[in-house]
Amino acid sequence: MLFDVPHGVDYVKLPSIAKVETNTWNPRKLRMTRERLGELRRKLLLRVVELFEPDLFLADHVPAGVWGELIPTLQALHASPRRPKVVLGLRDILDRPEIVRRTWEDEGTYDVIERYYDTVLVYGSRHVFDTAGTYGIDEIVPERIRYCGYVSGEDPVLGRADMRAKLKQGPDPLVVIAAGGGADAFPMMESCVAALSALGPDACPNAIILTGALMEPGRRDELERRAEGLPISVLGHVRGAQNYVAAADLAITMGGYNTMVECTRLRIPTIVLPRKGPSAEQATRARVFDKMGLVTSIELATATP
């Protein structure tokens, strides 16, 4: 567990999965078939709800579960005598509209939303991206949609001067390269190291790469090898990553929700290199934020040094 939890809060972790292509998910770590892992997730979800009897149930991102494993839990909650509030939480952008609409039609997801969810909570703003309209949610449950604004951490951020002093960073420019968990961040970070290397050791600015806890150790070692001889530090998971970003003169990131919102909140000049796939989520968010003047977006395929 990477985050501290307050007293009175605990967690039961579902086995991890990873999206490998459109509408296709695989086990991230366990050597199990999709079918067996889906069954394990289904039983864990249902049993936790039966024993804990929540007052609020919040499902994130995928209304029915990636393999429909959430359906029995939603049915049990709906039939419960002390039925809790059931909420679907969605990021601002999911994928290309035609893909989401076709998938949700084919898999009966619109019916699941209409039947089981009391509220659809969008982590975004309709003025930035009309999530409900783009994906057809306002065509079935318009009265249940709530936009809560973009969500970012509220942990206190060290002052720029204090953090730079902690990092032993003088007045010279500092670049911070980050990508959340970092599981698929290697191509972006590899491009960044190539760009910094092209400047040469004398012109290269100081840089800190935050690979995240999910990058494979071998990939992290490769970044360190390529950064040898340059003023570039390669770090894994760090606590208070927002402090590093706040100390930067320039942030470079992928198009993930959390990192982009954090950079925007801190008002740091940001270059976004969104991943190509397996969904259009990051590329779309980067394009929308770029159009608003919040970031500069560059396609990774054309991001030469």
C-alpha atoms as a PDB file:
ATOM      1  CA  MET A   1       0.000   0.000   0.000  1.00  0.00           C
ATOM      2  CA  LEU A   2       1.504   3.326  -1.102  1.00  0.00           C
ATOM      3  CA  PHE A   3      -0.788   5.654   0.831  1.00  0.00           C
ATOM      4  CA  ASP A   4      -1.463   6.215   4.498  1.00  0.00           C
ATOM      5  CA  VAL A   5      -5.060   5.646   5.564  1.00  0.00           C
ATOM      6  CA  PRO A   6      -6.700   7.434   8.501  1.00  0.00           C
ATOM      7  CA  HIS A   7      -7.995   5.731  11.634  1.00  0.00           C
ATOM      8  CA  GLY A   8     -11.296   3.984  10.988  1.00  0.00           C
ATOM      9  CA  VAL A   9     -10.495   3.299   7.345  1.00  0.00           C
ATOM     10  CA  ASP A  10      -9.265   0.016   5.920  1.00  0.00           C
ATOM     11  CA  TYR A  11      -9.164  -1.622   2.531  1.00  0.00           C
ATOM     12  CA  VAL A  12      -9.582  -4.965   0.777  1.00  0.00           C
ATOM     13  CA  LYS A  13      -7.548  -5.018  -2.419  1.00  0.00           C
ATOM     14  CA  LEU A  14      -8.911  -6.678  -5.522  1.00  0.00           C
ATOM     15  CA  PRO A  15      -6.389  -8.550  -7.693  1.00  0.00           C
ATOM     16  CA  SER A  16      -4.910  -6.089 -10.194  1.00  0.00           C
ATOM     17  CA  ILE A  17      -5.716  -6.011 -13.892  1.00  0.00           C
ATOM     18  CA  ALA A  18      -4.178  -4.088 -16.804  1.00  0.00           C
ATOM     19  CA  LYS A  19      -5.806  -2.824 -19.984  1.00  0.00           C
ATOM     20  CA  VAL A  20      -3.880  -4.189 -22.962  1.00  0.00           C
ATOM     21  CA  GLU A  21      -6.105  -3.007 -25.823  1.00  0.00           C
ATOM     22  CA  THR A  22      -9.605  -1.694 -26.416  1.00  0.00           C
ATOM     23  CA  ASN A  23     -12.020  -3.530 -24.084  1.00  0.00           C
ATOM     24  CA  THR A  24      -9.383  -6.145 -23.278  1.00  0.00           C
ATOM     25  CA  TRP A  25      -7.961  -6.592 -19.778  1.00  0.00           C
ATOM     26  CA  ASN A  26      -5.464  -9.122 -18.454  1.00  0.00           C
ATOM     27  CA  PRO A  27      -4.301 -10.063 -14.954  1.00  0.00           C
ATOM     28  CA  ARG A  28      -1.479  -7.688 -14.023  1.00  0.00           C
ATOM     29  CA  LYS A  29       0.451 -10.065 -11.777  1.00  0.00           C
ATOM     30  CA  LEU A  30      -1.366 -13.290 -10.901  1.00  0.00           C
ATOM     31  CA  ARG A  31      -0.926 -16.293 -13.177  1.00  0.00           C
ATOM     32  CA  MET A  32      -4.626 -16.901 -13.645  1.00  0.00           C
ATOM     33  CA  THR A  33      -6.973 -16.925 -16.589  1.00  0.00           C
ATOM     34  CA  ARG A  34      -9.245 -13.938 -17.057  1.00  0.00           C
ATOM     35  CA  GLU A  35     -12.201 -16.140 -16.201  1.00  0.00           C
ATOM     36  CA  ARG A  36     -10.784 -17.310 -12.866  1.00  0.00           C
ATOM     37  CA  LEU A  37      -9.557 -13.853 -11.935  1.00  0.00           C
ATOM     38  CA  GLY A  38     -12.948 -12.390 -12.803  1.00  0.00           C
ATOM     39  CA  GLU A  39     -14.608 -14.968 -10.561  1.00  0.00           C
ATOM     40  CA  LEU A  40     -12.218 -14.123  -7.729  1.00  0.00           C
ATOM     41  CA  ARG A  41     -12.965 -10.413  -8.055  1.00  0.00           C
ATOM     42  CA  ARG A  42     -16.710 -11.113  -8.234  1.00  0.00           C
ATOM     43  CA  LYS A  43     -16.744 -13.164  -5.036  1.00  0.00           C
ATOM     44  CA  LEU A  44     -14.533 -10.745  -3.113  1.00  0.00           C
ATOM     45  CA  LEU A  45     -16.700  -7.762  -4.024  1.00  0.00           C
ATOM     46  CA  LEU A  46     -19.936  -9.492  -3.149  1.00  0.00           C
ATOM     47  CA  ARG A  47     -18.726 -10.919   0.154  1.00  0.00           C
ATOM     48  CA  VAL A  48     -17.281  -7.616   1.351  1.00  0.00           C
ATOM     49  CA  VAL A  49     -20.578  -5.851   0.665  1.00  0.00           C
ATOM     50  CA  GLU A  50     -22.601  -8.586   2.356  1.00  0.00           C
ATOM     51  CA  LEU A  51     -20.538  -8.469   5.548  1.00  0.00           C
ATOM     52  CA  PHE A  52     -19.758  -4.758   5.753  1.00  0.00           C
ATOM     53  CA  GLU A  53     -23.241  -3.475   4.804  1.00  0.00           C
ATOM     54  CA  PRO A  54     -22.150  -0.051   3.528  1.00  0.00           C
ATOM     55  CA  ASP A  55     -24.232   3.115   3.545  1.00  0.00           C
ATOM     56  CA  LEU A  56     -22.499   4.301   0.362  1.00  0.00           C
ATOM     57  CA  PHE A  57     -21.135   2.248  -2.521  1.00  0.00           C
ATOM     58  CA  LEU A  58     -18.926   4.056  -5.071  1.00  0.00           C
ATOM     59  CA  ALA A  59     -17.879   2.186  -8.218  1.00  0.00           C
ATOM     60  CA  ASP A  60     -15.093   3.791 -10.214  1.00  0.00           C
ATOM     61  CA  HIS A  61     -14.706   4.010 -13.987  1.00  0.00           C
ATOM     62  CA  VAL A  62     -16.323   0.775 -15.235  1.00  0.00           C
ATOM     63  CA  PRO A  63     -20.059   0.559 -14.388  1.00  0.00           C
ATOM     64  CA  ALA A  64     -20.413  -3.234 -14.542  1.00  0.00           C
ATOM     65  CA  GLY A  65     -16.805  -4.263 -13.900  1.00  0.00           C
ATOM     66  CA  VAL A  66     -14.439  -5.123 -16.731  1.00  0.00           C
ATOM     67  CA  TRP A  67     -15.829  -8.662 -16.991  1.00  0.00           C
ATOM     68  CA  GLY A  68     -19.265  -7.980 -15.506  1.00  0.00           C
ATOM     69  CA  GLU A  69     -17.983  -9.032 -12.079  1.00  0.00           C
ATOM     70  CA  LEU A  70     -19.694  -6.083 -10.400  1.00  0.00           C
ATOM     71  CA  ILE A  71     -23.230  -7.073 -11.463  1.00  0.00           C
ATOM     72  CA  PRO A  72     -23.979  -9.530  -8.592  1.00  0.00           C
ATOM     73  CA  THR A  73     -22.876  -6.900  -6.058  1.00  0.00           C
ATOM     74  CA  LEU A  74     -25.066  -4.224  -7.659  1.00  0.00           C
ATOM     75  CA  GLN A  75     -27.999  -6.655  -7.641  1.00  0.00           C
ATOM     76  CA  ALA A  76     -27.443  -7.468  -3.960  1.00  0.00           C
ATOM     77  CA  LEU A  77     -27.267  -3.791  -3.039  1.00  0.00           C
ATOM     78  CA  HIS A  78     -30.430  -3.059  -5.000  1.00  0.00           C
ATOM     79  CA  ALA A  79     -32.310  -5.837  -3.209  1.00  0.00           C
ATOM     80  CA  SER A  80     -30.998  -5.009   0.271  1.00  0.00           C
ATOM     81  CA  PRO A  81     -33.630  -3.919   2.852  1.00  0.00           C
ATOM     82  CA  ARG A  82     -31.306  -1.099   3.901  1.00  0.00           C
ATOM     83  CA  ARG A  83     -30.345  -0.163   0.357  1.00  0.00           C
ATOM     84  CA  PRO A  84     -27.287   2.129   0.335  1.00  0.00           C
ATOM     85  CA  LYS A  85     -26.641   5.044  -1.953  1.00  0.00           C
ATOM     86  CA  VAL A  86     -24.976   3.653  -5.095  1.00  0.00           C
ATOM     87  CA  VAL A  87     -22.758   6.041  -7.066  1.00  0.00           C
ATOM     88  CA  LEU A  88     -20.809   5.681 -10.306  1.00  0.00           C
ATOM     89  CA  GLY A  89     -17.629   7.797 -10.451  1.00  0.00           C
ATOM     90  CA  LEU A  90     -16.225   8.689 -13.867  1.00  0.00           C
ATOM     91  CA  ARG A  91     -13.147  10.582 -14.939  1.00  0.00           C
ATOM     92  CA  ASP A  92     -13.720  13.398 -17.405  1.00  0.00           C
ATOM     93  CA  ILE A  93     -12.614  11.353 -20.436  1.00  0.00           C
ATOM     94  CA  LEU A  94     -12.978   7.596 -20.986  1.00  0.00           C
ATOM     95  CA  ASP A  95     -12.137   6.820 -24.630  1.00  0.00           C
ATOM     96  CA  ARG A  96     -13.270   7.755 -28.109  1.00  0.00           C
ATOM     97  CA  PRO A  97     -17.036   8.395 -27.958  1.00  0.00           C
ATOM     98  CA  GLU A  98     -17.879   5.887 -30.685  1.00  0.00           C
ATOM     99  CA  ILE A  99     -16.017   3.118 -28.844  1.00  0.00           C
ATOM    100  CA  VAL A 100     -17.629   3.823 -25.469  1.00  0.00           C
ATOM    101  CA  ARG A 101     -21.127   4.129 -26.924  1.00  0.00           C
ATOM    102  CA  ARG A 102     -20.822   0.949 -28.988  1.00  0.00           C
ATOM    103  CA  THR A 103     -19.356  -1.036 -26.083  1.00  0.00           C
ATOM    104  CA  TRP A 104     -21.959   0.191 -23.605  1.00  0.00           C
ATOM    105  CA  GLU A 105     -24.767  -0.605 -26.053  1.00  0.00           C
ATOM    106  CA  ASP A 106     -23.437  -4.099 -26.803  1.00  0.00           C
ATOM    107  CA  GLU A 107     -22.756  -4.972 -23.146  1.00  0.00           C
ATOM    108  CA  GLY A 108     -25.940  -3.473 -21.691  1.00  0.00           C
ATOM    109  CA  THR A 109     -24.033  -0.889 -19.658  1.00  0.00           C
ATOM    110  CA  TYR A 110     -26.614   1.862 -20.168  1.00  0.00           C
ATOM    111  CA  ASP A 111     -29.213  -0.436 -18.630  1.00  0.00           C
ATOM    112  CA  VAL A 112     -26.886  -1.148 -15.687  1.00  0.00           C
ATOM    113  CA  ILE A 113     -26.436   2.584 -15.055  1.00  0.00           C
ATOM    114  CA  GLU A 114     -30.152   3.291 -15.277  1.00  0.00           C
ATOM    115  CA  ARG A 115     -31.159   0.340 -13.098  1.00  0.00           C
ATOM    116  CA  TYR A 116     -28.595   0.404 -10.294  1.00  0.00           C
ATOM    117  CA  TYR A 117     -26.932   3.815  -9.932  1.00  0.00           C
ATOM    118  CA  ASP A 118     -28.508   6.657  -7.975  1.00  0.00           C
ATOM    119  CA  THR A 119     -25.909   9.225  -9.065  1.00  0.00           C
ATOM    120  CA  VAL A 120     -23.286   9.545 -11.790  1.00  0.00           C
ATOM    121  CA  LEU A 121     -20.457  11.649 -10.366  1.00  0.00           C
ATOM    122  CA  VAL A 122     -18.118  13.130 -12.978  1.00  0.00           C
ATOM    123  CA  TYR A 123     -14.629  14.136 -11.832  1.00  0.00           C
ATOM    124  CA  GLY A 124     -14.493  17.082 -14.186  1.00  0.00           C
ATOM    125  CA  SER A 125     -16.311  20.131 -15.513  1.00  0.00           C
ATOM    126  CA  ARG A 126     -18.962  20.272 -18.234  1.00  0.00           C
ATOM    127  CA  HIS A 127     -17.354  23.537 -19.405  1.00  0.00           C
ATOM    128  CA  VAL A 128     -14.092  21.693 -20.095  1.00  0.00           C
ATOM    129  CA  PHE A 129     -15.464  18.403 -21.457  1.00  0.00           C
ATOM    130  CA  ASP A 130     -19.107  17.348 -21.639  1.00  0.00           C
ATOM    131  CA  THR A 131     -18.660  13.811 -20.335  1.00  0.00           C
ATOM    132  CA  ALA A 132     -22.361  12.982 -19.966  1.00  0.00           C
ATOM    133  CA  GLY A 133     -23.260  14.333 -23.396  1.00  0.00           C
ATOM    134  CA  THR A 134     -20.265  12.805 -25.162  1.00  0.00           C
ATOM    135  CA  TYR A 135     -20.944   9.295 -23.893  1.00  0.00           C
ATOM    136  CA  GLY A 136     -24.755   9.398 -23.967  1.00  0.00           C
ATOM    137  CA  ILE A 137     -25.325   9.270 -20.219  1.00  0.00           C
ATOM    138  CA  ASP A 138     -27.547  12.334 -20.257  1.00  0.00           C
ATOM    139  CA  GLU A 139     -29.830  10.488 -22.688  1.00  0.00           C
ATOM    140  CA  ILE A 140     -30.836   7.976 -19.981  1.00  0.00           C
ATOM    141  CA  VAL A 141     -30.362   9.552 -16.525  1.00  0.00           C
ATOM    142  CA  PRO A 142     -29.942  13.340 -16.985  1.00  0.00           C
ATOM    143  CA  GLU A 143     -31.302  14.097 -13.513  1.00  0.00           C
ATOM    144  CA  ARG A 144     -28.698  11.886 -11.801  1.00  0.00           C
ATOM    145  CA  ILE A 145     -25.566  13.502 -13.265  1.00  0.00           C
ATOM    146  CA  ARG A 146     -23.349  15.606 -11.010  1.00  0.00           C
ATOM    147  CA  TYR A 147     -20.111  17.331 -12.046  1.00  0.00           C
ATOM    148  CA  CYS A 148     -17.886  17.798  -8.993  1.00  0.00           C
ATOM    149  CA  GLY A 149     -14.994  19.622 -10.697  1.00  0.00           C
ATOM    150  CA  TYR A 150     -11.491  18.291 -11.218  1.00  0.00           C
ATOM    151  CA  VAL A 151     -10.189  16.405  -8.201  1.00  0.00           C
ATOM    152  CA  SER A 152      -6.636  16.639  -6.950  1.00  0.00           C
ATOM    153  CA  GLY A 153      -4.830  16.047  -3.695  1.00  0.00           C
ATOM    154  CA  GLU A 154      -5.177  18.663  -1.006  1.00  0.00           C
ATOM    155  CA  ASP A 155      -2.017  17.756   0.870  1.00  0.00           C
ATOM    156  CA  PRO A 156       0.015  20.849   1.774  1.00  0.00           C
ATOM    157  CA  VAL A 157       2.744  21.637  -0.721  1.00  0.00           C
ATOM    158  CA  LEU A 158       6.163  22.782   0.404  1.00  0.00           C
ATOM    159  CA  GLY A 159       7.076  26.266  -0.762  1.00  0.00           C
ATOM    160  CA  ARG A 160       9.115  26.338  -3.936  1.00  0.00           C
ATOM    161  CA  ALA A 161      12.173  27.739  -2.146  1.00  0.00           C
ATOM    162  CA  ASP A 162      11.928  25.204   0.686  1.00  0.00           C
ATOM    163  CA  MET A 163      11.643  22.225  -1.657  1.00  0.00           C
ATOM    164  CA  ARG A 164      14.469  23.400  -3.884  1.00  0.00           C
ATOM    165  CA  ALA A 165      16.637  23.820  -0.788  1.00  0.00           C
ATOM    166  CA  LYS A 166      15.694  20.297   0.325  1.00  0.00           C
ATOM    167  CA  LEU A 167      16.729  19.008  -3.099  1.00  0.00           C
ATOM    168  CA  LYS A 168      19.941  21.071  -2.943  1.00  0.00           C
ATOM    169  CA  GLN A 169      18.733  22.742  -6.098  1.00  0.00           C
ATOM    170  CA  GLY A 170      20.137  26.216  -6.753  1.00  0.00           C
ATOM    171  CA  PRO A 171      18.690  28.873  -9.040  1.00  0.00           C
ATOM    172  CA  ASP A 172      19.348  26.870 -12.217  1.00  0.00           C
ATOM    173  CA  PRO A 173      16.352  25.546 -14.189  1.00  0.00           C
ATOM    174  CA  LEU A 174      14.831  22.289 -12.950  1.00  0.00           C
ATOM    175  CA  VAL A 175      12.803  19.851 -15.057  1.00  0.00           C
ATOM    176  CA  VAL A 176      10.616  17.237 -13.332  1.00  0.00           C
ATOM    177  CA  ILE A 177       9.402  14.263 -15.374  1.00  0.00           C
ATOM    178  CA  ALA A 178       6.546  12.262 -13.833  1.00  0.00           C
ATOM    179  CA  ALA A 179       3.839   9.832 -14.906  1.00  0.00           C
ATOM    180  CA  GLY A 180       1.845   8.587 -11.931  1.00  0.00           C
ATOM    181  CA  GLY A 181       2.401   4.892 -11.239  1.00  0.00           C
ATOM    182  CA  GLY A 182       4.694   4.599 -14.242  1.00  0.00           C
ATOM    183  CA  ALA A 183       3.696   1.132 -15.444  1.00  0.00           C
ATOM    184  CA  ASP A 184       3.719   2.267 -19.084  1.00  0.00           C
ATOM    185  CA  ALA A 185       5.834   5.413 -18.755  1.00  0.00           C
ATOM    186  CA  PHE A 186       9.135   4.091 -20.098  1.00  0.00           C
ATOM    187  CA  PRO A 187       8.703   5.216 -23.756  1.00  0.00           C
ATOM    188  CA  MET A 188       7.856   8.767 -22.655  1.00  0.00           C
ATOM    189  CA  MET A 189      10.708   8.945 -20.166  1.00  0.00           C
ATOM    190  CA  GLU A 190      13.114   7.404 -22.662  1.00  0.00           C
ATOM    191  CA  SER A 191      12.234  10.214 -25.092  1.00  0.00           C
ATOM    192  CA  CYS A 192      12.803  12.806 -22.373  1.00  0.00           C
ATOM    193  CA  VAL A 193      16.261  11.451 -21.562  1.00  0.00           C
ATOM    194  CA  ALA A 194      17.098  11.465 -25.290  1.00  0.00           C
ATOM    195  CA  ALA A 195      16.008  15.106 -25.545  1.00  0.00           C
ATOM    196  CA  LEU A 196      18.065  16.135 -22.514  1.00  0.00           C
ATOM    197  CA  SER A 197      21.068  14.147 -23.757  1.00  0.00           C
ATOM    198  CA  ALA A 198      20.908  15.951 -27.099  1.00  0.00           C
ATOM    199  CA  LEU A 199      21.680  19.203 -25.279  1.00  0.00           C
ATOM    200  CA  GLY A 200      24.955  17.793 -24.003  1.00  0.00           C
ATOM    201  CA  PRO A 201      26.267  17.755 -20.417  1.00  0.00           C
ATOM    202  CA  ASP A 202      27.003  21.492 -20.364  1.00  0.00           C
ATOM    203  CA  ALA A 203      23.598  22.710 -21.567  1.00  0.00           C
ATOM    204  CA  CYS A 204      21.434  19.992 -20.021  1.00  0.00           C
ATOM    205  CA  PRO A 205      19.266  21.400 -17.200  1.00  0.00           C
ATOM    206  CA  ASN A 206      18.966  19.626 -13.892  1.00  0.00           C
ATOM    207  CA  ALA A 207      16.232  17.028 -14.101  1.00  0.00           C
ATOM    208  CA  ILE A 208      14.453  14.615 -11.782  1.00  0.00           C
ATOM    209  CA  ILE A 209      12.629  11.593 -13.194  1.00  0.00           C
ATOM    210  CA  LEU A 210       9.926  10.100 -10.953  1.00  0.00           C
ATOM    211  CA  THR A 211       9.380   6.685 -12.491  1.00  0.00           C
ATOM    212  CA  GLY A 212       6.581   5.681 -10.108  1.00  0.00           C
ATOM    213  CA  ALA A 213       6.245   2.488  -8.119  1.00  0.00           C
ATOM    214  CA  LEU A 214       4.903   0.373 -10.992  1.00  0.00           C
ATOM    215  CA  MET A 215       7.751   0.701 -13.480  1.00  0.00           C
ATOM    216  CA  GLU A 216       9.707  -2.514 -13.871  1.00  0.00           C
ATOM    217  CA  PRO A 217      13.097  -2.287 -12.092  1.00  0.00           C
ATOM    218  CA  GLY A 218      14.916  -3.204 -15.296  1.00  0.00           C
ATOM    219  CA  ARG A 219      13.332  -0.275 -17.099  1.00  0.00           C
ATOM    220  CA  ARG A 220      14.298   2.067 -14.273  1.00  0.00           C
ATOM    221  CA  ASP A 221      17.877   0.776 -14.448  1.00  0.00           C
ATOM    222  CA  GLU A 222      17.899   1.437 -18.198  1.00  0.00           C
ATOM    223  CA  LEU A 223      16.871   5.073 -17.652  1.00  0.00           C
ATOM    224  CA  GLU A 224      19.677   5.464 -15.107  1.00  0.00           C
ATOM    225  CA  ARG A 225      22.168   4.005 -17.575  1.00  0.00           C
ATOM    226  CA  ARG A 226      21.077   6.401 -20.329  1.00  0.00           C
ATOM    227  CA  ALA A 227      21.244   9.376 -17.951  1.00  0.00           C
ATOM    228  CA  GLU A 228      24.849   8.699 -16.887  1.00  0.00           C
ATOM    229  CA  GLY A 229      27.043  11.764 -17.123  1.00  0.00           C
ATOM    230  CA  LEU A 230      24.084  14.137 -17.097  1.00  0.00           C
ATOM    231  CA  PRO A 231      22.562  16.089 -14.161  1.00  0.00           C
ATOM    232  CA  ILE A 232      19.554  13.750 -14.124  1.00  0.00           C
ATOM    233  CA  SER A 233      18.316  11.904 -11.012  1.00  0.00           C
ATOM    234  CA  VAL A 234      16.097   8.839 -11.475  1.00  0.00           C
ATOM    235  CA  LEU A 235      13.853   8.099  -8.502  1.00  0.00           C
ATOM    236  CA  GLY A 236      11.177   5.455  -7.938  1.00  0.00           C
ATOM    237  CA  HIS A 237       8.133   6.061  -5.781  1.00  0.00           C
ATOM    238  CA  VAL A 238       8.429   9.163  -3.625  1.00  0.00           C
ATOM    239  CA  ARG A 239       6.090  10.548  -1.011  1.00  0.00           C
ATOM    240  CA  GLY A 240       4.840  14.018  -1.755  1.00  0.00           C
ATOM    241  CA  ALA A 241       5.453  13.930  -5.507  1.00  0.00           C
ATOM    242  CA  GLN A 242       3.525  17.193  -5.791  1.00  0.00           C
ATOM    243  CA  ASN A 243       6.372  18.921  -3.929  1.00  0.00           C
ATOM    244  CA  TYR A 244       8.803  17.927  -6.669  1.00  0.00           C
ATOM    245  CA  VAL A 245       6.437  19.268  -9.328  1.00  0.00           C
ATOM    246  CA  ALA A 246       5.913  22.505  -7.385  1.00  0.00           C
ATOM    247  CA  ALA A 247       9.683  23.064  -7.319  1.00  0.00           C
ATOM    248  CA  ALA A 248      10.057  22.656 -11.080  1.00  0.00           C
ATOM    249  CA  ASP A 249      10.420  25.264 -13.795  1.00  0.00           C
ATOM    250  CA  LEU A 250       8.985  22.748 -16.259  1.00  0.00           C
ATOM    251  CA  ALA A 251       7.037  19.518 -15.785  1.00  0.00           C
ATOM    252  CA  ILE A 252       6.864  16.795 -18.437  1.00  0.00           C
ATOM    253  CA  THR A 253       4.185  14.161 -18.011  1.00  0.00           C
ATOM    254  CA  MET A 254       1.908  11.703 -19.732  1.00  0.00           C
ATOM    255  CA  GLY A 255      -1.793  12.480 -20.114  1.00  0.00           C
ATOM    256  CA  GLY A 256      -3.043  10.670 -17.017  1.00  0.00           C
ATOM    257  CA  TYR A 257      -5.747  12.371 -14.984  1.00  0.00           C
ATOM    258  CA  ASN A 258      -3.993  12.751 -11.636  1.00  0.00           C
ATOM    259  CA  THR A 259      -0.660  14.101 -12.840  1.00  0.00           C
ATOM    260  CA  MET A 260      -2.178  16.507 -15.353  1.00  0.00           C
ATOM    261  CA  VAL A 261      -4.639  17.913 -12.823  1.00  0.00           C
ATOM    262  CA  GLU A 262      -1.855  18.267 -10.239  1.00  0.00           C
ATOM    263  CA  CYS A 263       0.394  20.164 -12.657  1.00  0.00           C
ATOM    264  CA  THR A 264      -2.496  22.424 -13.634  1.00  0.00           C
ATOM    265  CA  ARG A 265      -3.415  23.066 -10.005  1.00  0.00           C
ATOM    266  CA  LEU A 266       0.173  24.045  -9.212  1.00  0.00           C
ATOM    267  CA  ARG A 267       0.346  26.297 -12.320  1.00  0.00           C
ATOM    268  CA  ILE A 268       3.585  24.722 -13.538  1.00  0.00           C
ATOM    269  CA  PRO A 269       4.439  25.020 -17.260  1.00  0.00           C
ATOM    270  CA  THR A 270       3.789  21.500 -18.525  1.00  0.00           C
ATOM    271  CA  ILE A 271       4.567  19.484 -21.625  1.00  0.00           C
ATOM    272  CA  VAL A 272       2.287  16.467 -22.051  1.00  0.00           C
ATOM    273  CA  LEU A 273       3.335  13.387 -24.025  1.00  0.00           C
ATOM    274  CA  PRO A 274       0.173  11.244 -23.926  1.00  0.00           C
ATOM    275  CA  ARG A 275       0.446   7.525 -24.492  1.00  0.00           C
ATOM    276  CA  LYS A 276      -0.848   6.247 -27.810  1.00  0.00           C
ATOM    277  CA  GLY A 277      -3.217   3.652 -26.338  1.00  0.00           C
ATOM    278  CA  PRO A 278      -4.832   1.324 -25.514  1.00  0.00           C
ATOM    279  CA  SER A 279      -7.518   4.026 -25.254  1.00  0.00           C
ATOM    280  CA  ALA A 280      -7.780   7.602 -26.524  1.00  0.00           C
ATOM    281  CA  GLU A 281      -8.252   8.929 -22.984  1.00  0.00           C
ATOM    282  CA  GLN A 282      -4.846  10.542 -22.521  1.00  0.00           C
ATOM    283  CA  ALA A 283      -4.553  11.958 -26.037  1.00  0.00           C
ATOM    284  CA  THR A 284      -8.023  13.498 -25.786  1.00  0.00           C
ATOM    285  CA  ARG A 285      -7.380  15.049 -22.365  1.00  0.00           C
ATOM    286  CA  ALA A 286      -4.046  16.450 -23.527  1.00  0.00           C
ATOM    287  CA  ARG A 287      -5.702  17.968 -26.603  1.00  0.00           C
ATOM    288  CA  VAL A 288      -8.523  19.520 -24.547  1.00  0.00           C
ATOM    289  CA  PHE A 289      -6.152  20.994 -21.959  1.00  0.00           C
ATOM    290  CA  ASP A 290      -3.813  22.248 -24.709  1.00  0.00           C
ATOM    291  CA  LYS A 291      -6.690  24.027 -26.460  1.00  0.00           C
ATOM    292  CA  MET A 292      -7.467  25.800 -23.190  1.00  0.00           C
ATOM    293  CA  GLY A 293      -3.850  26.932 -22.848  1.00  0.00           C
ATOM    294  CA  LEU A 294      -3.221  24.882 -19.709  1.00  0.00           C
ATOM    295  CA  VAL A 295      -0.484  22.632 -21.137  1.00  0.00           C
ATOM    296  CA  THR A 296       1.529  22.040 -24.304  1.00  0.00           C
ATOM    297  CA  SER A 297       0.690  18.688 -25.871  1.00  0.00           C
ATOM    298  CA  ILE A 298       3.056  16.787 -28.174  1.00  0.00           C
ATOM    299  CA  GLU A 299       2.380  13.386 -29.711  1.00  0.00           C
ATOM    300  CA  LEU A 300       4.997  10.898 -28.546  1.00  0.00           C
ATOM    301  CA  ALA A 301       5.418   9.584 -32.103  1.00  0.00           C
ATOM    302  CA  THR A 302       6.585  13.031 -33.270  1.00  0.00           C
ATOM    303  CA  ALA A 303       8.437  14.037 -30.091  1.00  0.00           C
ATOM    304  CA  THR A 304      11.950  13.919 -31.499  1.00  0.00           C
ATOM    305  CA  PRO A 305      14.797  15.096 -29.245  1.00  0.00           C
END
